[in-house]
Amino acid sequence: MDFSHSEDQESLRGLAREILTDQLSQDRLRAVARSEDRIDRELWTELAKANLLGLAVPEEHGGSGLGLPELALLQEEIGRSVAPVPVYATLVLGALAIDAFGRGMV
């Protein structure tokens, strides 16, 4: 069984890494750590503009319709850069749960 990433997955990883590398510096990380909410909202906006926040959300709901492996690649890059953004809470605990259990609530 081949567990290597596809070309599309590697492109996704590269895009996330590029945004995170371009946006984050030690000074910025310190400034966000001293802020009240400790979330880098500018970085969050850049990730949203690149359509990285809807990776595992179905296309019919405005997402990319990919899956957990792609979401895991994004989380890996977030962790690698120590990015102060709420990826786990929002995309994993929130969006996936809403997709799985919230369809009948609308």
PDB file of N, CA and C in Angstrom:
ATOM      1  N   MET A   1       0.846  -1.172   0.000  1.00  0.00           N
ATOM      2  CA  MET A   1       0.000   0.000   0.000  1.00  0.00           C
ATOM      3  C   MET A   1       0.895   1.240   0.000  1.00  0.00           C
ATOM      4  N   ASP A   2       0.562   2.193  -0.830  1.00  0.00           N
ATOM      5  CA  ASP A   2       1.351   3.418  -0.972  1.00  0.00           C
ATOM      6  C   ASP A   2       0.746   4.526  -0.108  1.00  0.00           C
ATOM      7  N   PHE A   3       1.508   5.010   0.871  1.00  0.00           N
ATOM      8  CA  PHE A   3       1.027   6.053   1.767  1.00  0.00           C
ATOM      9  C   PHE A   3       1.594   7.425   1.419  1.00  0.00           C
ATOM     10  N   SER A   4       2.239   7.531   0.272  1.00  0.00           N
ATOM     11  CA  SER A   4       2.795   8.832  -0.110  1.00  0.00           C
ATOM     12  C   SER A   4       1.673   9.789  -0.490  1.00  0.00           C
ATOM     13  N   HIS A   5       1.961  11.072  -0.364  1.00  0.00           N
ATOM     14  CA  HIS A   5       0.958  12.093  -0.673  1.00  0.00           C
ATOM     15  C   HIS A   5       0.845  12.291  -2.179  1.00  0.00           C
ATOM     16  N   SER A   6      -0.361  12.642  -2.600  1.00  0.00           N
ATOM     17  CA  SER A   6      -0.583  12.926  -4.015  1.00  0.00           C
ATOM     18  C   SER A   6       0.031  14.280  -4.367  1.00  0.00           C
ATOM     19  N   GLU A   7       0.103  14.547  -5.636  1.00  0.00           N
ATOM     20  CA  GLU A   7       0.625  15.837  -6.098  1.00  0.00           C
ATOM     21  C   GLU A   7      -0.245  16.991  -5.580  1.00  0.00           C
ATOM     22  N   ASP A   8      -1.558  16.792  -5.586  1.00  0.00           N
ATOM     23  CA  ASP A   8      -2.467  17.824  -5.068  1.00  0.00           C
ATOM     24  C   ASP A   8      -2.259  18.053  -3.570  1.00  0.00           C
ATOM     25  N   GLN A   9      -2.047  16.986  -2.831  1.00  0.00           N
ATOM     26  CA  GLN A   9      -1.803  17.128  -1.398  1.00  0.00           C
ATOM     27  C   GLN A   9      -0.489  17.856  -1.134  1.00  0.00           C
ATOM     28  N   GLU A  10       0.527  17.559  -1.903  1.00  0.00           N
ATOM     29  CA  GLU A  10       1.813  18.253  -1.749  1.00  0.00           C
ATOM     30  C   GLU A  10       1.676  19.729  -2.117  1.00  0.00           C
ATOM     31  N   SER A  11       0.845  20.033  -3.115  1.00  0.00           N
ATOM     32  CA  SER A  11       0.593  21.432  -3.488  1.00  0.00           C
ATOM     33  C   SER A  11      -0.108  22.171  -2.353  1.00  0.00           C
ATOM     34  N   LEU A  12      -1.084  21.497  -1.736  1.00  0.00           N
ATOM     35  CA  LEU A  12      -1.791  22.081  -0.598  1.00  0.00           C
ATOM     36  C   LEU A  12      -0.821  22.366   0.539  1.00  0.00           C
ATOM     37  N   ARG A  13       0.027  21.398   0.840  1.00  0.00           N
ATOM     38  CA  ARG A  13       1.024  21.569   1.896  1.00  0.00           C
ATOM     39  C   ARG A  13       1.948  22.750   1.568  1.00  0.00           C
ATOM     40  N   GLY A  14       2.374  22.826   0.317  1.00  0.00           N
ATOM     41  CA  GLY A  14       3.251  23.913  -0.102  1.00  0.00           C
ATOM     42  C   GLY A  14       2.593  25.271   0.029  1.00  0.00           C
ATOM     43  N   LEU A  15       1.331  25.361  -0.339  1.00  0.00           N
ATOM     44  CA  LEU A  15       0.598  26.620  -0.221  1.00  0.00           C
ATOM     45  C   LEU A  15       0.486  27.038   1.240  1.00  0.00           C
ATOM     46  N   ALA A  16       0.099  26.106   2.103  1.00  0.00           N
ATOM     47  CA  ALA A  16      -0.012  26.413   3.531  1.00  0.00           C
ATOM     48  C   ALA A  16       1.334  26.856   4.089  1.00  0.00           C
ATOM     49  N   ARG A  17       2.387  26.140   3.749  1.00  0.00           N
ATOM     50  CA  ARG A  17       3.724  26.473   4.257  1.00  0.00           C
ATOM     51  C   ARG A  17       4.164  27.849   3.772  1.00  0.00           C
ATOM     52  N   GLU A  18       3.870  28.156   2.510  1.00  0.00           N
ATOM     53  CA  GLU A  18       4.246  29.463   1.949  1.00  0.00           C
ATOM     54  C   GLU A  18       3.539  30.605   2.695  1.00  0.00           C
ATOM     55  N   ILE A  19       2.247  30.462   2.897  1.00  0.00           N
ATOM     56  CA  ILE A  19       1.486  31.501   3.600  1.00  0.00           C
ATOM     57  C   ILE A  19       2.008  31.663   5.023  1.00  0.00           C
ATOM     58  N   LEU A  20       2.188  30.567   5.707  1.00  0.00           N
ATOM     59  CA  LEU A  20       2.637  30.616   7.095  1.00  0.00           C
ATOM     60  C   LEU A  20       4.042  31.208   7.198  1.00  0.00           C
ATOM     61  N   THR A  21       4.916  30.832   6.306  1.00  0.00           N
ATOM     62  CA  THR A  21       6.285  31.354   6.319  1.00  0.00           C
ATOM     63  C   THR A  21       6.300  32.843   6.012  1.00  0.00           C
ATOM     64  N   ASP A  22       5.503  33.257   5.031  1.00  0.00           N
ATOM     65  CA  ASP A  22       5.448  34.673   4.651  1.00  0.00           C
ATOM     66  C   ASP A  22       4.831  35.543   5.742  1.00  0.00           C
ATOM     67  N   GLN A  23       3.850  35.016   6.447  1.00  0.00           N
ATOM     68  CA  GLN A  23       3.080  35.816   7.399  1.00  0.00           C
ATOM     69  C   GLN A  23       3.667  35.870   8.804  1.00  0.00           C
ATOM     70  N   LEU A  24       4.339  34.808   9.210  1.00  0.00           N
ATOM     71  CA  LEU A  24       4.772  34.726  10.606  1.00  0.00           C
ATOM     72  C   LEU A  24       6.244  35.076  10.785  1.00  0.00           C
ATOM     73  N   SER A  25       6.492  35.881  11.758  1.00  0.00           N
ATOM     74  CA  SER A  25       7.850  36.184  12.199  1.00  0.00           C
ATOM     75  C   SER A  25       7.869  36.061  13.719  1.00  0.00           C
ATOM     76  N   GLN A  26       9.043  36.026  14.282  1.00  0.00           N
ATOM     77  CA  GLN A  26       9.140  35.947  15.741  1.00  0.00           C
ATOM     78  C   GLN A  26       8.486  37.161  16.399  1.00  0.00           C
ATOM     79  N   ASP A  27       8.684  38.340  15.804  1.00  0.00           N
ATOM     80  CA  ASP A  27       8.070  39.555  16.360  1.00  0.00           C
ATOM     81  C   ASP A  27       6.547  39.471  16.318  1.00  0.00           C
ATOM     82  N   ARG A  28       6.031  38.967  15.216  1.00  0.00           N
ATOM     83  CA  ARG A  28       4.578  38.859  15.098  1.00  0.00           C
ATOM     84  C   ARG A  28       4.026  37.837  16.085  1.00  0.00           C
ATOM     85  N   LEU A  29       4.712  36.714  16.234  1.00  0.00           N
ATOM     86  CA  LEU A  29       4.276  35.703  17.200  1.00  0.00           C
ATOM     87  C   LEU A  29       4.255  36.277  18.616  1.00  0.00           C
ATOM     88  N   ARG A  30       5.272  37.066  18.952  1.00  0.00           N
ATOM     89  CA  ARG A  30       5.313  37.692  20.282  1.00  0.00           C
ATOM     90  C   ARG A  30       4.161  38.680  20.464  1.00  0.00           C
ATOM     91  N   ALA A  31       3.899  39.468  19.419  1.00  0.00           N
ATOM     92  CA  ALA A  31       2.815  40.458  19.498  1.00  0.00           C
ATOM     93  C   ALA A  31       1.463  39.772  19.685  1.00  0.00           C
ATOM     94  N   VAL A  32       1.236  38.710  18.957  1.00  0.00           N
ATOM     95  CA  VAL A  32      -0.032  37.978  19.087  1.00  0.00           C
ATOM     96  C   VAL A  32      -0.126  37.334  20.467  1.00  0.00           C
ATOM     97  N   ALA A  33       0.982  36.813  20.968  1.00  0.00           N
ATOM     98  CA  ALA A  33       0.983  36.198  22.296  1.00  0.00           C
ATOM     99  C   ALA A  33       0.643  37.217  23.385  1.00  0.00           C
ATOM    100  N   ARG A  34       0.985  38.477  23.163  1.00  0.00           N
ATOM    101  CA  ARG A  34       0.669  39.527  24.139  1.00  0.00           C
ATOM    102  C   ARG A  34      -0.730  40.099  23.949  1.00  0.00           C
ATOM    103  N   SER A  35      -1.381  39.777  22.845  1.00  0.00           N
ATOM    104  CA  SER A  35      -2.711  40.326  22.583  1.00  0.00           C
ATOM    105  C   SER A  35      -3.753  39.651  23.475  1.00  0.00           C
ATOM    106  N   GLU A  36      -4.918  40.264  23.548  1.00  0.00           N
ATOM    107  CA  GLU A  36      -5.970  39.766  24.423  1.00  0.00           C
ATOM    108  C   GLU A  36      -6.485  38.383  24.024  1.00  0.00           C
ATOM    109  N   ASP A  37      -6.751  38.174  22.736  1.00  0.00           N
ATOM    110  CA  ASP A  37      -7.328  36.889  22.325  1.00  0.00           C
ATOM    111  C   ASP A  37      -6.300  35.879  21.818  1.00  0.00           C
ATOM    112  N   ARG A  38      -5.069  36.315  21.585  1.00  0.00           N
ATOM    113  CA  ARG A  38      -3.955  35.443  21.180  1.00  0.00           C
ATOM    114  C   ARG A  38      -4.207  34.687  19.885  1.00  0.00           C
ATOM    115  N   ILE A  39      -4.975  35.277  18.997  1.00  0.00           N
ATOM    116  CA  ILE A  39      -5.233  34.699  17.674  1.00  0.00           C
ATOM    117  C   ILE A  39      -4.747  35.686  16.628  1.00  0.00           C
ATOM    118  N   ASP A  40      -4.016  35.189  15.647  1.00  0.00           N
ATOM    119  CA  ASP A  40      -3.534  36.034  14.564  1.00  0.00           C
ATOM    120  C   ASP A  40      -4.636  36.128  13.509  1.00  0.00           C
ATOM    121  N   ARG A  41      -5.446  37.150  13.622  1.00  0.00           N
ATOM    122  CA  ARG A  41      -6.598  37.312  12.725  1.00  0.00           C
ATOM    123  C   ARG A  41      -6.176  37.616  11.284  1.00  0.00           C
ATOM    124  N   GLU A  42      -5.077  38.300  11.107  1.00  0.00           N
ATOM    125  CA  GLU A  42      -4.573  38.574   9.752  1.00  0.00           C
ATOM    126  C   GLU A  42      -4.176  37.271   9.063  1.00  0.00           C
ATOM    127  N   LEU A  43      -3.491  36.403   9.788  1.00  0.00           N
ATOM    128  CA  LEU A  43      -3.101  35.107   9.230  1.00  0.00           C
ATOM    129  C   LEU A  43      -4.337  34.265   8.934  1.00  0.00           C
ATOM    130  N   TRP A  44      -5.305  34.276   9.829  1.00  0.00           N
ATOM    131  CA  TRP A  44      -6.556  33.537   9.628  1.00  0.00           C
ATOM    132  C   TRP A  44      -7.235  33.996   8.338  1.00  0.00           C
ATOM    133  N   THR A  45      -7.226  35.308   8.113  1.00  0.00           N
ATOM    134  CA  THR A  45      -7.822  35.865   6.893  1.00  0.00           C
ATOM    135  C   THR A  45      -7.070  35.388   5.654  1.00  0.00           C
ATOM    136  N   GLU A  46      -5.754  35.349   5.726  1.00  0.00           N
ATOM    137  CA  GLU A  46      -4.953  34.884   4.584  1.00  0.00           C
ATOM    138  C   GLU A  46      -5.214  33.405   4.292  1.00  0.00           C
ATOM    139  N   LEU A  47      -5.349  32.611   5.323  1.00  0.00           N
ATOM    140  CA  LEU A  47      -5.666  31.197   5.127  1.00  0.00           C
ATOM    141  C   LEU A  47      -7.045  31.035   4.498  1.00  0.00           C
ATOM    142  N   ALA A  48      -7.987  31.885   4.900  1.00  0.00           N
ATOM    143  CA  ALA A  48      -9.334  31.853   4.320  1.00  0.00           C
ATOM    144  C   ALA A  48      -9.299  32.267   2.851  1.00  0.00           C
ATOM    145  N   LYS A  49      -8.551  33.323   2.531  1.00  0.00           N
ATOM    146  CA  LYS A  49      -8.446  33.778   1.140  1.00  0.00           C
ATOM    147  C   LYS A  49      -7.887  32.680   0.233  1.00  0.00           C
ATOM    148  N   ALA A  50      -7.012  31.845   0.785  1.00  0.00           N
ATOM    149  CA  ALA A  50      -6.413  30.754   0.013  1.00  0.00           C
ATOM    150  C   ALA A  50      -7.294  29.507   0.000  1.00  0.00           C
ATOM    151  N   ASN A  51      -8.495  29.608   0.544  1.00  0.00           N
ATOM    152  CA  ASN A  51      -9.457  28.495   0.610  1.00  0.00           C
ATOM    153  C   ASN A  51      -8.924  27.294   1.385  1.00  0.00           C
ATOM    154  N   LEU A  52      -8.116  27.551   2.395  1.00  0.00           N
ATOM    155  CA  LEU A  52      -7.572  26.461   3.201  1.00  0.00           C
ATOM    156  C   LEU A  52      -8.436  26.136   4.415  1.00  0.00           C
ATOM    157  N   LEU A  53      -9.397  26.969   4.734  1.00  0.00           N
ATOM    158  CA  LEU A  53     -10.199  26.724   5.933  1.00  0.00           C
ATOM    159  C   LEU A  53     -11.412  25.837   5.679  1.00  0.00           C
ATOM    160  N   GLY A  54     -11.718  25.580   4.438  1.00  0.00           N
ATOM    161  CA  GLY A  54     -12.861  24.729   4.114  1.00  0.00           C
ATOM    162  C   GLY A  54     -12.448  23.427   3.450  1.00  0.00           C
ATOM    163  N   LEU A  55     -11.251  22.957   3.732  1.00  0.00           N
ATOM    164  CA  LEU A  55     -10.737  21.765   3.058  1.00  0.00           C
ATOM    165  C   LEU A  55     -11.651  20.556   3.195  1.00  0.00           C
ATOM    166  N   ALA A  56     -12.128  20.282   4.377  1.00  0.00           N
ATOM    167  CA  ALA A  56     -12.928  19.076   4.611  1.00  0.00           C
ATOM    168  C   ALA A  56     -14.426  19.336   4.581  1.00  0.00           C
ATOM    169  N   VAL A  57     -14.814  20.567   4.273  1.00  0.00           N
ATOM    170  CA  VAL A  57     -16.235  20.912   4.173  1.00  0.00           C
ATOM    171  C   VAL A  57     -16.710  20.543   2.756  1.00  0.00           C
ATOM    172  N   PRO A  58     -17.865  19.896   2.640  1.00  0.00           N
ATOM    173  CA  PRO A  58     -18.368  19.521   1.317  1.00  0.00           C
ATOM    174  C   PRO A  58     -18.550  20.743   0.404  1.00  0.00           C
ATOM    175  N   GLU A  59     -18.376  20.522  -0.878  1.00  0.00           N
ATOM    176  CA  GLU A  59     -18.496  21.606  -1.858  1.00  0.00           C
ATOM    177  C   GLU A  59     -19.869  22.253  -1.832  1.00  0.00           C
ATOM    178  N   GLU A  60     -20.911  21.474  -1.598  1.00  0.00           N
ATOM    179  CA  GLU A  60     -22.268  22.043  -1.589  1.00  0.00           C
ATOM    180  C   GLU A  60     -22.481  23.015  -0.431  1.00  0.00           C
ATOM    181  N   HIS A  61     -21.556  23.012   0.518  1.00  0.00           N
ATOM    182  CA  HIS A  61     -21.625  23.949   1.644  1.00  0.00           C
ATOM    183  C   HIS A  61     -20.517  24.989   1.584  1.00  0.00           C
ATOM    184  N   GLY A  62     -19.900  25.122   0.421  1.00  0.00           N
ATOM    185  CA  GLY A  62     -18.889  26.153   0.220  1.00  0.00           C
ATOM    186  C   GLY A  62     -17.458  25.750   0.490  1.00  0.00           C
ATOM    187  N   GLY A  63     -17.232  24.485   0.767  1.00  0.00           N
ATOM    188  CA  GLY A  63     -15.880  24.015   1.040  1.00  0.00           C
ATOM    189  C   GLY A  63     -15.220  23.436  -0.194  1.00  0.00           C
ATOM    190  N   SER A  64     -14.077  22.819   0.031  1.00  0.00           N
ATOM    191  CA  SER A  64     -13.318  22.205  -1.061  1.00  0.00           C
ATOM    192  C   SER A  64     -13.704  20.749  -1.293  1.00  0.00           C
ATOM    193  N   GLY A  65     -14.372  20.149  -0.317  1.00  0.00           N
ATOM    194  CA  GLY A  65     -14.816  18.767  -0.475  1.00  0.00           C
ATOM    195  C   GLY A  65     -13.684  17.753  -0.436  1.00  0.00           C
ATOM    196  N   LEU A  66     -12.572  18.096   0.173  1.00  0.00           N
ATOM    197  CA  LEU A  66     -11.461  17.147   0.265  1.00  0.00           C
ATOM    198  C   LEU A  66     -11.710  16.253   1.471  1.00  0.00           C
ATOM    199  N   GLY A  67     -10.747  16.033   2.306  1.00  0.00           N
ATOM    200  CA  GLY A  67     -10.998  15.133   3.419  1.00  0.00           C
ATOM    201  C   GLY A  67     -10.055  15.326   4.578  1.00  0.00           C
ATOM    202  N   LEU A  68     -10.062  14.333   5.449  1.00  0.00           N
ATOM    203  CA  LEU A  68      -9.238  14.394   6.649  1.00  0.00           C
ATOM    204  C   LEU A  68      -7.738  14.387   6.359  1.00  0.00           C
ATOM    205  N   PRO A  69      -7.259  13.653   5.355  1.00  0.00           N
ATOM    206  CA  PRO A  69      -5.816  13.713   5.086  1.00  0.00           C
ATOM    207  C   PRO A  69      -5.351  15.131   4.734  1.00  0.00           C
ATOM    208  N   GLU A  70      -6.137  15.841   3.966  1.00  0.00           N
ATOM    209  CA  GLU A  70      -5.776  17.210   3.598  1.00  0.00           C
ATOM    210  C   GLU A  70      -5.855  18.140   4.808  1.00  0.00           C
ATOM    211  N   LEU A  71      -6.861  17.945   5.624  1.00  0.00           N
ATOM    212  CA  LEU A  71      -6.983  18.734   6.846  1.00  0.00           C
ATOM    213  C   LEU A  71      -5.810  18.451   7.781  1.00  0.00           C
ATOM    214  N   ALA A  72      -5.379  17.206   7.832  1.00  0.00           N
ATOM    215  CA  ALA A  72      -4.225  16.839   8.665  1.00  0.00           C
ATOM    216  C   ALA A  72      -2.949  17.502   8.150  1.00  0.00           C
ATOM    217  N   LEU A  73      -2.798  17.610   6.838  1.00  0.00           N
ATOM    218  CA  LEU A  73      -1.631  18.298   6.280  1.00  0.00           C
ATOM    219  C   LEU A  73      -1.616  19.767   6.685  1.00  0.00           C
ATOM    220  N   LEU A  74      -2.780  20.401   6.652  1.00  0.00           N
ATOM    221  CA  LEU A  74      -2.865  21.794   7.093  1.00  0.00           C
ATOM    222  C   LEU A  74      -2.505  21.900   8.569  1.00  0.00           C
ATOM    223  N   GLN A  75      -3.046  21.026   9.388  1.00  0.00           N
ATOM    224  CA  GLN A  75      -2.749  21.052  10.818  1.00  0.00           C
ATOM    225  C   GLN A  75      -1.254  20.826  11.074  1.00  0.00           C
ATOM    226  N   GLU A  76      -0.655  19.964  10.296  1.00  0.00           N
ATOM    227  CA  GLU A  76       0.775  19.712  10.442  1.00  0.00           C
ATOM    228  C   GLU A  76       1.579  20.988  10.184  1.00  0.00           C
ATOM    229  N   GLU A  77       1.210  21.717   9.155  1.00  0.00           N
ATOM    230  CA  GLU A  77       1.910  22.962   8.837  1.00  0.00           C
ATOM    231  C   GLU A  77       1.641  24.038   9.884  1.00  0.00           C
ATOM    232  N   ILE A  78       0.423  24.081  10.394  1.00  0.00           N
ATOM    233  CA  ILE A  78       0.092  25.023  11.469  1.00  0.00           C
ATOM    234  C   ILE A  78       0.962  24.730  12.687  1.00  0.00           C
ATOM    235  N   GLY A  79       1.076  23.475  13.043  1.00  0.00           N
ATOM    236  CA  GLY A  79       1.900  23.084  14.176  1.00  0.00           C
ATOM    237  C   GLY A  79       3.376  23.344  13.937  1.00  0.00           C
ATOM    238  N   ARG A  80       3.851  23.070  12.736  1.00  0.00           N
ATOM    239  CA  ARG A  80       5.258  23.287  12.411  1.00  0.00           C
ATOM    240  C   ARG A  80       5.648  24.742  12.606  1.00  0.00           C
ATOM    241  N   SER A  81       4.745  25.641  12.256  1.00  0.00           N
ATOM    242  CA  SER A  81       5.040  27.076  12.347  1.00  0.00           C
ATOM    243  C   SER A  81       4.583  27.686  13.677  1.00  0.00           C
ATOM    244  N   VAL A  82       3.927  26.911  14.517  1.00  0.00           N
ATOM    245  CA  VAL A  82       3.370  27.370  15.793  1.00  0.00           C
ATOM    246  C   VAL A  82       2.434  28.567  15.548  1.00  0.00           C
ATOM    247  N   ALA A  83       1.637  28.457  14.510  1.00  0.00           N
ATOM    248  CA  ALA A  83       0.732  29.546  14.127  1.00  0.00           C
ATOM    249  C   ALA A  83      -0.406  29.685  15.137  1.00  0.00           C
ATOM    250  N   PRO A  84      -0.605  30.890  15.640  1.00  0.00           N
ATOM    251  CA  PRO A  84      -1.670  31.124  16.626  1.00  0.00           C
ATOM    252  C   PRO A  84      -3.032  31.342  15.960  1.00  0.00           C
ATOM    253  N   VAL A  85      -3.563  30.262  15.396  1.00  0.00           N
ATOM    254  CA  VAL A  85      -4.880  30.302  14.748  1.00  0.00           C
ATOM    255  C   VAL A  85      -5.697  29.097  15.237  1.00  0.00           C
ATOM    256  N   PRO A  86      -7.017  29.224  15.300  1.00  0.00           N
ATOM    257  CA  PRO A  86      -7.862  28.177  15.885  1.00  0.00           C
ATOM    258  C   PRO A  86      -8.278  27.079  14.907  1.00  0.00           C
ATOM    259  N   VAL A  87      -7.312  26.469  14.234  1.00  0.00           N
ATOM    260  CA  VAL A  87      -7.625  25.450  13.232  1.00  0.00           C
ATOM    261  C   VAL A  87      -8.308  24.236  13.861  1.00  0.00           C
ATOM    262  N   TYR A  88      -7.735  23.719  14.924  1.00  0.00           N
ATOM    263  CA  TYR A  88      -8.316  22.513  15.534  1.00  0.00           C
ATOM    264  C   TYR A  88      -9.730  22.779  16.049  1.00  0.00           C
ATOM    265  N   ALA A  89      -9.879  23.833  16.824  1.00  0.00           N
ATOM    266  CA  ALA A  89     -11.192  24.131  17.414  1.00  0.00           C
ATOM    267  C   ALA A  89     -12.245  24.428  16.353  1.00  0.00           C
ATOM    268  N   THR A  90     -11.863  25.150  15.324  1.00  0.00           N
ATOM    269  CA  THR A  90     -12.829  25.582  14.326  1.00  0.00           C
ATOM    270  C   THR A  90     -13.082  24.542  13.239  1.00  0.00           C
ATOM    271  N   LEU A  91     -12.012  24.045  12.651  1.00  0.00           N
ATOM    272  CA  LEU A  91     -12.172  23.149  11.506  1.00  0.00           C
ATOM    273  C   LEU A  91     -12.418  21.700  11.904  1.00  0.00           C
ATOM    274  N   VAL A  92     -11.759  21.237  12.954  1.00  0.00           N
ATOM    275  CA  VAL A  92     -11.916  19.842  13.361  1.00  0.00           C
ATOM    276  C   VAL A  92     -13.125  19.678  14.283  1.00  0.00           C
ATOM    277  N   LEU A  93     -13.120  20.386  15.383  1.00  0.00           N
ATOM    278  CA  LEU A  93     -14.215  20.228  16.348  1.00  0.00           C
ATOM    279  C   LEU A  93     -15.509  20.890  15.880  1.00  0.00           C
ATOM    280  N   GLY A  94     -15.405  21.975  15.145  1.00  0.00           N
ATOM    281  CA  GLY A  94     -16.597  22.706  14.718  1.00  0.00           C
ATOM    282  C   GLY A  94     -17.146  22.263  13.379  1.00  0.00           C
ATOM    283  N   ALA A  95     -16.411  22.526  12.306  1.00  0.00           N
ATOM    284  CA  ALA A  95     -16.918  22.288  10.952  1.00  0.00           C
ATOM    285  C   ALA A  95     -17.227  20.823  10.682  1.00  0.00           C
ATOM    286  N   LEU A  96     -16.357  19.923  11.121  1.00  0.00           N
ATOM    287  CA  LEU A  96     -16.610  18.501  10.877  1.00  0.00           C
ATOM    288  C   LEU A  96     -17.843  18.011  11.626  1.00  0.00           C
ATOM    289  N   ALA A  97     -18.020  18.483  12.836  1.00  0.00           N
ATOM    290  CA  ALA A  97     -19.207  18.089  13.618  1.00  0.00           C
ATOM    291  C   ALA A  97     -20.485  18.637  12.999  1.00  0.00           C
ATOM    292  N   ILE A  98     -20.442  19.884  12.562  1.00  0.00           N
ATOM    293  CA  ILE A  98     -21.614  20.472  11.923  1.00  0.00           C
ATOM    294  C   ILE A  98     -21.951  19.727  10.648  1.00  0.00           C
ATOM    295  N   ASP A  99     -20.929  19.389   9.861  1.00  0.00           N
ATOM    296  CA  ASP A  99     -21.170  18.639   8.640  1.00  0.00           C
ATOM    297  C   ASP A  99     -21.777  17.266   8.934  1.00  0.00           C
ATOM    298  N   ALA A 100     -21.248  16.588   9.942  1.00  0.00           N
ATOM    299  CA  ALA A 100     -21.699  15.237  10.249  1.00  0.00           C
ATOM    300  C   ALA A 100     -23.069  15.184  10.917  1.00  0.00           C
ATOM    301  N   PHE A 101     -23.349  16.145  11.795  1.00  0.00           N
ATOM    302  CA  PHE A 101     -24.560  16.046  12.613  1.00  0.00           C
ATOM    303  C   PHE A 101     -25.544  17.197  12.468  1.00  0.00           C
ATOM    304  N   GLY A 102     -25.166  18.269  11.807  1.00  0.00           N
ATOM    305  CA  GLY A 102     -26.003  19.456  11.797  1.00  0.00           C
ATOM    306  C   GLY A 102     -26.836  19.684  10.569  1.00  0.00           C
ATOM    307  N   ARG A 103     -26.839  18.770   9.645  1.00  0.00           N
ATOM    308  CA  ARG A 103     -27.567  18.987   8.391  1.00  0.00           C
ATOM    309  C   ARG A 103     -29.063  19.126   8.594  1.00  0.00           C
ATOM    310  N   GLY A 104     -29.637  18.400   9.498  1.00  0.00           N
ATOM    311  CA  GLY A 104     -31.077  18.456   9.710  1.00  0.00           C
ATOM    312  C   GLY A 104     -31.535  19.629  10.539  1.00  0.00           C
ATOM    313  N   MET A 105     -30.606  20.439  11.016  1.00  0.00           N
ATOM    314  CA  MET A 105     -30.949  21.527  11.914  1.00  0.00           C
ATOM    315  C   MET A 105     -31.227  22.823  11.190  1.00  0.00           C
ATOM    316  N   VAL A 106     -30.993  22.872   9.900  1.00  0.00           N
ATOM    317  CA  VAL A 106     -31.176  24.116   9.152  1.00  0.00           C
ATOM    318  C   VAL A 106     -32.612  24.292   8.746  1.00  0.00           C
TER     319      VAL A 106
END
